[in-house]
Structure formats: structure tokens, C-alpha cells
């Protein structure tokens, strides 16, 4: 059941976030994508900005976007000390009329967001168009089969995971913990 923008505005305005990315998760991400200072990252669905801030601390020039104004405001307020390496802006990523950044990104991340996207194939195509040759798309999500029945809608089904992995030059996944979140690392073709 889709949750509307008003819900997320209220959620983030109240200072609520989600499953926090700990130091181990960020270390595993750095090992998977091997950041270089000055490369560009786009964090889609940034929420309160902690993951985007971690990307900026890894050396990425990071653009954090969310469709909720309250999330963007929270990210700007909480991480003002990371400017100009971290910028935040409002963007409804699935909106076909939304103006996407014209720059190419070395990394696009979607942490606990992709399962909520309605047209996953269109999202994948949009991400491909934003990546540099060899760039990485990192999707962090719970597999639906690991969740209780009433929460399976917030995870990725086996079929959706299979669709996610298709069309990339290479890809792999790893689990952050047994029975928990799964991280997909997908690489664009080199050119």
C-alpha cells in the first residue's frame, strides 16, 4: 500500500528516520565502491541525511535528494558543516517531469527507498542515465521474504531483485547481517 508524501513530510518533520547505517555498513560500502576524493554521489530518498553525510565524509561530492521538504530541510540543518561537499534538494525521483541533475554521478544510492518505487524498471533506466561509465548504483533494502507478512510491502521480492540485477555490466550483493538488509551493488557499462 503506497504511502503519500504528506506521511513522509510529517515523519521527517518529527525527526523520525529509519534503520541507522552503522560504521560497519559504511565500511562495507566503501569496500564495495572504492570512493575517490572529488567523485560525485547522488543519494535518492535521503531522509534525515545521515547516509548522504557518510558519503560526503568518504570524499564524495554528494547531492542528497528527497521528495519531502522536511527531509531536505533536516539534511541541510543537520549537516551544514559538510557544505559544499554535501548539498540537499527536493526531488521526486519517480516524477517523469522532475528536472534531474545534468551532471553524471559516480555513485547513486537508494537506501530503504527502492522497494517503495512504483515503476522499478523506469527508475533503473533513470539511474543508468545518471551514472558515469563504470559508475555504481547501490540499493539497500530488506528482502521481502525475510519480513513478516504485514511488512513485506517494504521489501524487495525475489522477482524484483532479479529484475534489479538485469542490464548491468556486473553486479553483486551482500547482506549486512544474517536475515537483515541486503545491499545490491550494480555497475554501469564502462562506455
N, C-alpha and C. Protein backbone atom coordinates (compact mmCIF):
# COMPACT_ATOMS: atom_id res chain seq x y z
N UNK A 1 0.84 -1.16 0.00
CA UNK A 1 0.00 0.00 0.00
C UNK A 1 0.89 1.24 0.00
N UNK A 2 0.81 2.07 -1.05
CA UNK A 2 1.66 3.25 -1.16
C UNK A 2 1.36 4.26 -0.06
N UNK A 3 2.39 4.89 0.42
CA UNK A 3 2.26 5.93 1.44
C UNK A 3 2.55 7.25 0.75
N UNK A 4 1.70 8.24 0.98
CA UNK A 4 1.81 9.52 0.31
C UNK A 4 2.86 10.44 0.89
N UNK A 5 3.10 11.50 0.14
CA UNK A 5 4.11 12.48 0.51
C UNK A 5 3.81 13.13 1.86
N UNK A 6 2.54 13.39 2.15
CA UNK A 6 2.17 14.03 3.42
C UNK A 6 2.65 13.20 4.61
N UNK A 7 2.54 11.87 4.50
CA UNK A 7 3.02 10.99 5.56
C UNK A 7 4.51 11.21 5.80
N UNK A 8 5.29 11.26 4.71
CA UNK A 8 6.74 11.42 4.85
C UNK A 8 7.10 12.82 5.34
N UNK A 9 6.34 13.84 4.92
CA UNK A 9 6.58 15.19 5.44
C UNK A 9 6.45 15.18 6.96
N UNK A 10 5.38 14.59 7.46
CA UNK A 10 5.15 14.52 8.90
C UNK A 10 6.21 13.66 9.59
N UNK A 11 6.56 12.55 8.97
CA UNK A 11 7.55 11.62 9.52
C UNK A 11 8.89 12.33 9.76
N UNK A 12 9.39 12.99 8.72
CA UNK A 12 10.70 13.64 8.83
C UNK A 12 10.64 14.92 9.65
N UNK A 13 9.52 15.66 9.59
CA UNK A 13 9.38 16.87 10.39
C UNK A 13 9.44 16.55 11.89
N UNK A 14 8.99 15.35 12.25
CA UNK A 14 9.03 14.91 13.65
C UNK A 14 10.42 14.39 14.04
N UNK A 15 11.36 14.41 13.10
CA UNK A 15 12.72 13.95 13.40
C UNK A 15 12.89 12.44 13.33
N UNK A 16 11.92 11.76 12.72
CA UNK A 16 11.99 10.30 12.60
C UNK A 16 12.83 9.91 11.40
N UNK A 17 13.62 8.89 11.58
CA UNK A 17 14.40 8.33 10.49
C UNK A 17 14.05 6.86 10.34
N UNK A 18 15.03 6.07 9.94
CA UNK A 18 14.85 4.64 9.76
C UNK A 18 16.04 3.91 10.35
N UNK A 19 16.18 2.68 10.01
CA UNK A 19 17.31 1.84 10.42
C UNK A 19 18.61 2.60 10.14
N UNK A 20 19.34 2.93 11.18
CA UNK A 20 20.55 3.74 11.08
C UNK A 20 21.70 2.96 10.43
N UNK A 21 22.42 3.59 9.54
CA UNK A 21 23.62 2.98 8.94
C UNK A 21 24.76 3.10 9.93
N UNK A 22 25.27 1.97 10.39
CA UNK A 22 26.35 2.00 11.35
C UNK A 22 27.71 2.02 10.65
N UNK A 23 28.78 2.10 11.42
CA UNK A 23 30.13 2.20 10.87
C UNK A 23 30.47 0.99 10.00
N UNK A 24 30.02 -0.19 10.37
CA UNK A 24 30.30 -1.39 9.58
C UNK A 24 29.65 -1.29 8.21
N UNK A 25 28.41 -0.83 8.16
CA UNK A 25 27.72 -0.68 6.88
C UNK A 25 28.47 0.29 5.97
N UNK A 26 28.92 1.40 6.52
CA UNK A 26 29.65 2.39 5.72
C UNK A 26 30.99 1.83 5.27
N UNK A 27 31.66 1.06 6.12
CA UNK A 27 32.93 0.44 5.74
C UNK A 27 32.73 -0.55 4.60
N UNK A 28 31.69 -1.38 4.69
CA UNK A 28 31.40 -2.34 3.62
C UNK A 28 31.04 -1.62 2.32
N UNK A 29 30.32 -0.51 2.43
CA UNK A 29 30.00 0.28 1.24
C UNK A 29 31.29 0.81 0.60
N UNK A 30 32.17 1.37 1.41
CA UNK A 30 33.43 1.90 0.88
C UNK A 30 34.26 0.81 0.20
N UNK A 31 34.26 -0.39 0.78
CA UNK A 31 34.99 -1.50 0.16
C UNK A 31 34.35 -1.90 -1.17
N UNK A 32 33.04 -1.80 -1.27
CA UNK A 32 32.33 -2.21 -2.48
C UNK A 32 32.47 -1.19 -3.61
N UNK A 33 32.50 0.09 -3.29
CA UNK A 33 32.51 1.12 -4.34
C UNK A 33 33.85 1.83 -4.49
N UNK A 34 34.72 1.71 -3.53
CA UNK A 34 36.06 2.30 -3.56
C UNK A 34 36.05 3.77 -3.98
N UNK A 35 35.57 4.63 -3.07
CA UNK A 35 35.45 6.06 -3.41
C UNK A 35 36.81 6.72 -3.64
N UNK A 36 36.78 7.74 -4.47
CA UNK A 36 37.95 8.57 -4.72
C UNK A 36 37.56 10.01 -4.41
N UNK A 37 38.41 10.77 -3.76
CA UNK A 37 38.05 12.14 -3.43
C UNK A 37 37.61 12.92 -4.67
N UNK A 38 36.52 13.66 -4.49
CA UNK A 38 36.02 14.51 -5.56
C UNK A 38 35.04 13.86 -6.51
N UNK A 39 34.84 12.54 -6.42
CA UNK A 39 33.84 11.91 -7.27
C UNK A 39 32.46 12.29 -6.76
N UNK A 40 31.46 12.15 -7.62
CA UNK A 40 30.12 12.63 -7.31
C UNK A 40 29.17 11.49 -6.93
N UNK A 41 28.34 11.76 -5.92
CA UNK A 41 27.34 10.79 -5.47
C UNK A 41 25.97 11.47 -5.40
N UNK A 42 24.94 10.69 -5.69
CA UNK A 42 23.56 11.12 -5.56
C UNK A 42 22.88 10.15 -4.61
N UNK A 43 22.36 10.67 -3.50
CA UNK A 43 21.63 9.84 -2.54
C UNK A 43 20.15 10.14 -2.69
N UNK A 44 19.40 9.18 -3.25
CA UNK A 44 17.98 9.35 -3.53
C UNK A 44 17.17 8.87 -2.33
N UNK A 45 16.26 9.72 -1.87
CA UNK A 45 15.47 9.39 -0.68
C UNK A 45 16.30 9.56 0.56
N UNK A 46 16.93 10.71 0.70
CA UNK A 46 17.95 10.92 1.74
C UNK A 46 17.40 10.93 3.16
N UNK A 47 16.09 11.10 3.33
CA UNK A 47 15.56 11.14 4.69
C UNK A 47 16.23 12.24 5.49
N UNK A 48 16.71 11.93 6.67
CA UNK A 48 17.34 12.93 7.53
C UNK A 48 18.80 13.18 7.19
N UNK A 49 19.32 12.52 6.17
CA UNK A 49 20.63 12.86 5.63
C UNK A 49 21.85 12.14 6.16
N UNK A 50 21.69 11.21 7.09
CA UNK A 50 22.85 10.55 7.70
C UNK A 50 23.67 9.77 6.69
N UNK A 51 23.01 9.05 5.77
CA UNK A 51 23.73 8.26 4.78
C UNK A 51 24.46 9.18 3.80
N UNK A 52 23.79 10.25 3.37
CA UNK A 52 24.41 11.23 2.48
C UNK A 52 25.62 11.87 3.16
N UNK A 53 25.50 12.15 4.44
CA UNK A 53 26.63 12.73 5.18
C UNK A 53 27.80 11.74 5.23
N UNK A 54 27.50 10.46 5.39
CA UNK A 54 28.56 9.45 5.38
C UNK A 54 29.25 9.41 4.03
N UNK A 55 28.48 9.55 2.94
CA UNK A 55 29.09 9.59 1.60
C UNK A 55 30.02 10.80 1.47
N UNK A 56 29.57 11.95 1.96
CA UNK A 56 30.41 13.15 1.90
C UNK A 56 31.68 12.94 2.71
N UNK A 57 31.58 12.28 3.84
CA UNK A 57 32.77 12.03 4.67
C UNK A 57 33.72 11.04 4.01
N UNK A 58 33.19 10.17 3.12
CA UNK A 58 34.05 9.26 2.36
C UNK A 58 34.79 9.98 1.23
N UNK A 59 34.42 11.24 0.97
CA UNK A 59 35.09 12.02 -0.05
C UNK A 59 34.24 12.36 -1.26
N UNK A 60 33.01 11.85 -1.32
CA UNK A 60 32.13 12.17 -2.45
C UNK A 60 31.60 13.59 -2.33
N UNK A 61 31.48 14.26 -3.46
CA UNK A 61 30.68 15.48 -3.54
C UNK A 61 29.25 14.98 -3.70
N UNK A 62 28.45 15.11 -2.68
CA UNK A 62 27.17 14.41 -2.58
C UNK A 62 25.99 15.36 -2.72
N UNK A 63 25.04 14.95 -3.55
CA UNK A 63 23.75 15.61 -3.66
C UNK A 63 22.73 14.67 -3.03
N UNK A 64 22.09 15.13 -1.96
CA UNK A 64 21.07 14.36 -1.25
C UNK A 64 19.71 14.89 -1.67
N UNK A 65 18.83 14.00 -2.15
CA UNK A 65 17.51 14.43 -2.59
C UNK A 65 16.43 13.60 -1.92
N UNK A 66 15.29 14.25 -1.71
CA UNK A 66 14.12 13.58 -1.17
C UNK A 66 12.90 14.33 -1.68
N UNK A 67 11.77 13.65 -1.73
CA UNK A 67 10.55 14.32 -2.19
C UNK A 67 9.88 15.09 -1.07
N UNK A 68 10.31 14.90 0.17
CA UNK A 68 9.75 15.60 1.32
C UNK A 68 10.60 16.82 1.67
N UNK A 69 9.97 17.98 1.66
CA UNK A 69 10.67 19.22 2.01
C UNK A 69 11.27 19.14 3.41
N UNK A 70 10.55 18.48 4.33
CA UNK A 70 11.04 18.38 5.71
C UNK A 70 12.33 17.57 5.79
N UNK A 71 12.47 16.56 4.93
CA UNK A 71 13.71 15.78 4.89
C UNK A 71 14.86 16.63 4.37
N UNK A 72 14.61 17.38 3.33
CA UNK A 72 15.65 18.24 2.76
C UNK A 72 16.09 19.28 3.78
N UNK A 73 15.13 19.90 4.47
CA UNK A 73 15.46 20.90 5.48
C UNK A 73 16.27 20.28 6.62
N UNK A 74 15.88 19.09 7.06
CA UNK A 74 16.61 18.41 8.14
C UNK A 74 18.04 18.10 7.72
N UNK A 75 18.21 17.63 6.49
CA UNK A 75 19.55 17.32 5.99
C UNK A 75 20.42 18.58 5.96
N UNK A 76 19.86 19.67 5.44
CA UNK A 76 20.62 20.93 5.39
C UNK A 76 20.99 21.41 6.79
N UNK A 77 20.04 21.34 7.72
CA UNK A 77 20.28 21.82 9.08
C UNK A 77 21.29 20.95 9.82
N UNK A 78 21.13 19.65 9.73
CA UNK A 78 21.98 18.73 10.49
C UNK A 78 23.41 18.67 9.98
N UNK A 79 23.59 18.90 8.68
CA UNK A 79 24.92 18.69 8.09
C UNK A 79 25.45 19.92 7.37
N UNK A 80 25.09 21.10 7.88
CA UNK A 80 25.57 22.35 7.28
C UNK A 80 27.10 22.41 7.29
N UNK A 81 27.73 21.77 8.26
CA UNK A 81 29.19 21.78 8.35
C UNK A 81 29.86 21.01 7.20
N UNK A 82 29.11 20.21 6.46
CA UNK A 82 29.69 19.44 5.36
C UNK A 82 29.57 20.15 4.01
N UNK A 83 28.90 21.31 3.98
CA UNK A 83 28.82 22.07 2.72
C UNK A 83 30.21 22.56 2.37
N UNK A 84 30.62 22.60 1.14
CA UNK A 84 29.87 22.33 -0.08
C UNK A 84 29.93 20.87 -0.54
N UNK A 85 30.59 19.99 0.24
CA UNK A 85 30.65 18.58 -0.19
C UNK A 85 29.29 17.90 -0.15
N UNK A 86 28.38 18.42 0.66
CA UNK A 86 27.04 17.86 0.76
C UNK A 86 26.02 18.96 0.48
N UNK A 87 25.21 18.74 -0.54
CA UNK A 87 24.10 19.64 -0.87
C UNK A 87 22.82 18.82 -0.78
N UNK A 88 21.72 19.50 -0.49
CA UNK A 88 20.43 18.80 -0.40
C UNK A 88 19.40 19.57 -1.23
N UNK A 89 18.52 18.82 -1.87
CA UNK A 89 17.48 19.44 -2.67
C UNK A 89 16.26 18.55 -2.77
N UNK A 90 15.12 19.17 -3.08
CA UNK A 90 13.88 18.42 -3.22
C UNK A 90 13.78 17.86 -4.63
N UNK A 91 13.49 16.58 -4.71
CA UNK A 91 13.32 15.91 -6.00
C UNK A 91 12.46 14.68 -5.81
N UNK A 92 11.38 14.61 -6.56
CA UNK A 92 10.56 13.40 -6.61
C UNK A 92 11.14 12.56 -7.74
N UNK A 93 11.99 11.61 -7.41
CA UNK A 93 12.79 10.89 -8.40
C UNK A 93 11.95 10.16 -9.43
N UNK A 94 10.79 9.67 -9.04
CA UNK A 94 9.94 8.92 -9.98
C UNK A 94 9.12 9.82 -10.90
N UNK A 95 9.04 11.09 -10.62
CA UNK A 95 8.27 12.02 -11.44
C UNK A 95 9.00 12.23 -12.77
N UNK A 96 8.37 11.78 -13.85
CA UNK A 96 8.99 11.87 -15.17
C UNK A 96 9.24 13.31 -15.59
N UNK A 97 8.52 14.27 -15.00
CA UNK A 97 8.71 15.67 -15.35
C UNK A 97 9.73 16.37 -14.46
N UNK A 98 10.20 15.69 -13.43
CA UNK A 98 11.16 16.29 -12.50
C UNK A 98 12.48 16.54 -13.21
N UNK A 99 13.03 17.69 -12.95
CA UNK A 99 14.32 18.04 -13.55
C UNK A 99 15.43 17.35 -12.77
N UNK A 100 16.06 16.42 -13.44
CA UNK A 100 17.17 15.70 -12.82
C UNK A 100 18.46 16.46 -13.04
N UNK A 101 19.43 16.26 -12.18
CA UNK A 101 20.73 16.92 -12.37
C UNK A 101 21.33 16.56 -13.73
N UNK A 102 22.01 17.50 -14.33
CA UNK A 102 22.64 17.26 -15.64
C UNK A 102 24.02 16.63 -15.53
N UNK A 103 24.59 16.65 -14.35
CA UNK A 103 25.91 16.07 -14.17
C UNK A 103 25.82 14.55 -14.08
N UNK A 104 26.91 13.90 -14.37
CA UNK A 104 26.98 12.45 -14.22
C UNK A 104 27.51 12.13 -12.82
N UNK A 105 26.99 11.04 -12.26
CA UNK A 105 27.39 10.63 -10.92
C UNK A 105 28.19 9.34 -10.99
N UNK A 106 29.17 9.24 -10.11
CA UNK A 106 29.97 8.02 -9.99
C UNK A 106 29.25 6.99 -9.13
N UNK A 107 28.32 7.48 -8.31
CA UNK A 107 27.58 6.62 -7.39
C UNK A 107 26.17 7.17 -7.22
N UNK A 108 25.18 6.30 -7.31
CA UNK A 108 23.80 6.63 -6.94
C UNK A 108 23.40 5.63 -5.88
N UNK A 109 22.89 6.14 -4.75
CA UNK A 109 22.46 5.25 -3.67
C UNK A 109 20.97 5.42 -3.41
N UNK A 110 20.35 4.31 -3.05
CA UNK A 110 18.95 4.28 -2.62
C UNK A 110 18.88 3.35 -1.42
N UNK A 111 18.89 3.93 -0.24
CA UNK A 111 18.87 3.14 0.99
C UNK A 111 17.46 3.15 1.57
N UNK A 112 16.85 1.98 1.62
CA UNK A 112 15.49 1.79 2.14
C UNK A 112 14.46 2.61 1.37
N UNK A 113 14.67 2.72 0.04
CA UNK A 113 13.81 3.54 -0.80
C UNK A 113 13.26 2.76 -1.99
N UNK A 114 14.10 1.95 -2.63
CA UNK A 114 13.75 1.34 -3.91
C UNK A 114 12.48 0.49 -3.83
N UNK A 115 12.25 -0.20 -2.75
CA UNK A 115 11.06 -1.05 -2.63
C UNK A 115 9.78 -0.22 -2.71
N UNK A 116 9.85 1.07 -2.37
CA UNK A 116 8.68 1.94 -2.42
C UNK A 116 8.42 2.53 -3.81
N UNK A 117 9.36 2.38 -4.72
CA UNK A 117 9.21 2.92 -6.07
C UNK A 117 8.17 2.09 -6.83
N UNK A 118 7.29 2.77 -7.53
CA UNK A 118 6.21 2.05 -8.22
C UNK A 118 6.64 1.47 -9.55
N UNK A 119 7.47 2.16 -10.31
CA UNK A 119 7.94 1.66 -11.60
C UNK A 119 9.44 1.43 -11.52
N UNK A 120 9.79 0.27 -11.00
CA UNK A 120 11.19 -0.03 -10.74
C UNK A 120 12.04 -0.07 -12.01
N UNK A 121 11.47 -0.54 -13.11
CA UNK A 121 12.22 -0.57 -14.38
C UNK A 121 12.54 0.84 -14.85
N UNK A 122 11.59 1.76 -14.73
CA UNK A 122 11.83 3.15 -15.12
C UNK A 122 12.88 3.80 -14.22
N UNK A 123 12.84 3.48 -12.94
CA UNK A 123 13.84 4.00 -12.00
C UNK A 123 15.23 3.51 -12.39
N UNK A 124 15.35 2.23 -12.72
CA UNK A 124 16.65 1.68 -13.12
C UNK A 124 17.17 2.39 -14.38
N UNK A 125 16.30 2.65 -15.33
CA UNK A 125 16.72 3.35 -16.55
C UNK A 125 17.16 4.77 -16.24
N UNK A 126 16.44 5.42 -15.36
CA UNK A 126 16.81 6.79 -14.98
C UNK A 126 18.18 6.79 -14.31
N UNK A 127 18.42 5.82 -13.44
CA UNK A 127 19.73 5.73 -12.77
C UNK A 127 20.83 5.48 -13.80
N UNK A 128 20.60 4.58 -14.74
CA UNK A 128 21.61 4.31 -15.79
C UNK A 128 21.99 5.59 -16.51
N UNK A 129 21.00 6.44 -16.77
CA UNK A 129 21.25 7.69 -17.47
C UNK A 129 22.01 8.71 -16.65
N UNK A 130 22.07 8.53 -15.35
CA UNK A 130 22.77 9.47 -14.47
C UNK A 130 24.20 9.04 -14.13
N UNK A 131 24.53 7.78 -14.38
CA UNK A 131 25.84 7.26 -13.96
C UNK A 131 26.93 7.52 -14.99
N UNK A 132 28.13 7.74 -14.49
CA UNK A 132 29.31 7.78 -15.35
C UNK A 132 29.59 6.36 -15.84
N UNK A 133 30.35 6.19 -16.92
CA UNK A 133 30.75 4.84 -17.32
C UNK A 133 31.45 4.13 -16.15
N UNK A 134 31.00 2.93 -15.84
CA UNK A 134 31.56 2.17 -14.72
C UNK A 134 31.05 2.59 -13.36
N UNK A 135 30.15 3.59 -13.32
CA UNK A 135 29.60 4.06 -12.05
C UNK A 135 28.76 2.99 -11.37
N UNK A 136 28.49 3.19 -10.09
CA UNK A 136 27.79 2.18 -9.29
C UNK A 136 26.45 2.69 -8.80
N UNK A 137 25.47 1.78 -8.82
CA UNK A 137 24.17 2.01 -8.19
C UNK A 137 24.10 1.07 -7.01
N UNK A 138 23.90 1.61 -5.82
CA UNK A 138 23.83 0.81 -4.60
C UNK A 138 22.42 0.91 -4.03
N UNK A 139 21.76 -0.23 -3.93
CA UNK A 139 20.40 -0.32 -3.41
C UNK A 139 20.45 -1.15 -2.12
N UNK A 140 20.04 -0.55 -1.03
CA UNK A 140 20.00 -1.24 0.26
C UNK A 140 18.53 -1.43 0.63
N UNK A 141 18.13 -2.69 0.84
CA UNK A 141 16.72 -2.99 1.09
C UNK A 141 16.59 -4.33 1.80
N UNK A 142 15.50 -4.51 2.53
CA UNK A 142 15.27 -5.85 3.06
C UNK A 142 14.63 -6.74 2.00
N UNK A 143 15.05 -7.98 1.87
CA UNK A 143 14.31 -8.91 1.01
C UNK A 143 12.93 -9.18 1.63
N UNK A 144 11.90 -9.14 0.81
CA UNK A 144 10.52 -9.29 1.30
C UNK A 144 10.33 -10.59 2.06
N UNK A 145 10.96 -11.67 1.59
CA UNK A 145 10.75 -12.97 2.23
C UNK A 145 11.29 -13.02 3.65
N UNK A 146 12.10 -12.07 4.04
CA UNK A 146 12.64 -12.03 5.40
C UNK A 146 11.75 -11.25 6.36
N UNK A 147 10.73 -10.62 5.83
CA UNK A 147 9.88 -9.75 6.64
C UNK A 147 8.59 -10.46 7.02
N UNK A 148 7.97 -10.04 8.15
CA UNK A 148 6.65 -10.58 8.48
C UNK A 148 5.66 -10.21 7.37
N UNK A 149 4.64 -11.02 7.22
CA UNK A 149 3.66 -10.83 6.14
C UNK A 149 3.16 -9.40 6.04
N UNK A 150 2.84 -8.79 7.17
CA UNK A 150 2.27 -7.44 7.15
C UNK A 150 3.27 -6.36 6.75
N UNK A 151 4.56 -6.70 6.67
CA UNK A 151 5.58 -5.71 6.30
C UNK A 151 6.28 -6.04 4.98
N UNK A 152 5.86 -7.07 4.31
CA UNK A 152 6.54 -7.49 3.08
C UNK A 152 6.51 -6.42 1.98
N UNK A 153 5.56 -5.53 2.04
CA UNK A 153 5.47 -4.47 1.03
C UNK A 153 6.64 -3.49 1.09
N UNK A 154 7.41 -3.50 2.18
CA UNK A 154 8.55 -2.59 2.28
C UNK A 154 9.86 -3.27 1.87
N UNK A 155 9.77 -4.50 1.37
CA UNK A 155 10.95 -5.22 0.92
C UNK A 155 10.87 -5.53 -0.56
N UNK A 156 11.94 -6.07 -1.07
CA UNK A 156 12.04 -6.45 -2.48
C UNK A 156 11.74 -7.93 -2.62
N UNK A 157 10.83 -8.27 -3.53
CA UNK A 157 10.53 -9.67 -3.78
C UNK A 157 11.68 -10.30 -4.56
N UNK A 158 11.69 -11.62 -4.64
CA UNK A 158 12.71 -12.32 -5.41
C UNK A 158 12.65 -11.88 -6.87
N UNK A 159 11.45 -11.75 -7.43
CA UNK A 159 11.30 -11.32 -8.82
C UNK A 159 11.82 -9.90 -9.02
N UNK A 160 11.52 -9.00 -8.07
CA UNK A 160 12.01 -7.62 -8.18
C UNK A 160 13.53 -7.57 -8.08
N UNK A 161 14.10 -8.39 -7.21
CA UNK A 161 15.56 -8.43 -7.08
C UNK A 161 16.19 -8.93 -8.38
N UNK A 162 15.58 -9.95 -9.00
CA UNK A 162 16.07 -10.45 -10.28
C UNK A 162 16.01 -9.38 -11.35
N UNK A 163 14.91 -8.62 -11.40
CA UNK A 163 14.79 -7.53 -12.35
C UNK A 163 15.79 -6.42 -12.10
N UNK A 164 16.06 -6.16 -10.83
CA UNK A 164 17.04 -5.14 -10.45
C UNK A 164 18.43 -5.48 -10.98
N UNK A 165 18.80 -6.75 -10.92
CA UNK A 165 20.15 -7.17 -11.29
C UNK A 165 20.39 -7.19 -12.81
N UNK A 166 19.33 -7.16 -13.61
CA UNK A 166 19.49 -7.26 -15.06
C UNK A 166 19.94 -5.97 -15.72
N UNK A 167 20.71 -6.09 -16.79
CA UNK A 167 21.08 -4.94 -17.59
C UNK A 167 22.30 -4.16 -17.14
N UNK A 168 23.06 -4.70 -16.22
CA UNK A 168 24.26 -4.03 -15.72
C UNK A 168 25.48 -4.80 -16.19
N UNK A 169 26.63 -4.13 -16.27
CA UNK A 169 27.83 -4.83 -16.73
C UNK A 169 28.25 -5.88 -15.71
N UNK A 170 28.05 -5.59 -14.46
CA UNK A 170 28.32 -6.56 -13.40
C UNK A 170 27.58 -6.11 -12.15
N UNK A 171 27.38 -7.05 -11.27
CA UNK A 171 26.68 -6.74 -10.04
C UNK A 171 26.87 -7.85 -9.02
N UNK A 172 26.74 -7.48 -7.79
CA UNK A 172 26.78 -8.46 -6.71
C UNK A 172 25.95 -7.91 -5.55
N UNK A 173 25.73 -8.74 -4.58
CA UNK A 173 25.04 -8.31 -3.38
C UNK A 173 25.70 -8.91 -2.16
N UNK A 174 25.46 -8.29 -1.03
CA UNK A 174 25.92 -8.83 0.25
C UNK A 174 24.90 -8.45 1.31
N UNK A 175 24.85 -9.25 2.35
CA UNK A 175 23.94 -8.99 3.46
C UNK A 175 24.69 -8.24 4.55
N UNK A 176 24.01 -7.26 5.15
CA UNK A 176 24.63 -6.52 6.25
C UNK A 176 24.66 -7.34 7.52
N UNK A 177 23.65 -8.17 7.69
CA UNK A 177 23.60 -9.10 8.81
C UNK A 177 22.71 -10.26 8.38
N UNK A 178 22.90 -11.43 8.98
CA UNK A 178 22.06 -12.57 8.59
C UNK A 178 20.58 -12.25 8.81
N UNK A 179 19.78 -12.47 7.78
CA UNK A 179 18.35 -12.23 7.90
C UNK A 179 17.94 -10.77 7.89
N UNK A 180 18.88 -9.87 7.57
CA UNK A 180 18.58 -8.44 7.61
C UNK A 180 18.64 -7.79 6.24
N UNK A 181 19.17 -6.59 6.20
CA UNK A 181 19.23 -5.81 4.97
C UNK A 181 20.21 -6.41 3.97
N UNK A 182 19.85 -6.30 2.71
CA UNK A 182 20.70 -6.74 1.61
C UNK A 182 21.14 -5.52 0.81
N UNK A 183 22.39 -5.51 0.37
CA UNK A 183 22.94 -4.41 -0.41
C UNK A 183 23.30 -4.94 -1.79
N UNK A 184 22.69 -4.33 -2.81
CA UNK A 184 22.97 -4.66 -4.21
C UNK A 184 23.92 -3.60 -4.74
N UNK A 185 25.01 -4.02 -5.37
CA UNK A 185 25.98 -3.10 -5.98
C UNK A 185 26.02 -3.43 -7.45
N UNK A 186 25.52 -2.50 -8.28
CA UNK A 186 25.38 -2.72 -9.71
C UNK A 186 26.26 -1.72 -10.45
N UNK A 187 27.00 -2.19 -11.43
CA UNK A 187 27.93 -1.34 -12.18
C UNK A 187 27.45 -1.08 -13.58
N UNK A 188 27.51 0.20 -13.98
CA UNK A 188 27.18 0.59 -15.35
C UNK A 188 28.27 0.10 -16.29
N UNK A 189 27.95 -0.02 -17.55
CA UNK A 189 28.94 -0.42 -18.55
C UNK A 189 30.02 0.66 -18.61
N UNK A 190 31.23 0.24 -18.95
CA UNK A 190 32.36 1.15 -18.96
C UNK A 190 32.36 2.13 -20.14
N UNK A 191 31.47 2.01 -21.02
CA UNK A 191 31.41 3.02 -22.09
C UNK A 191 31.28 2.48 -23.45
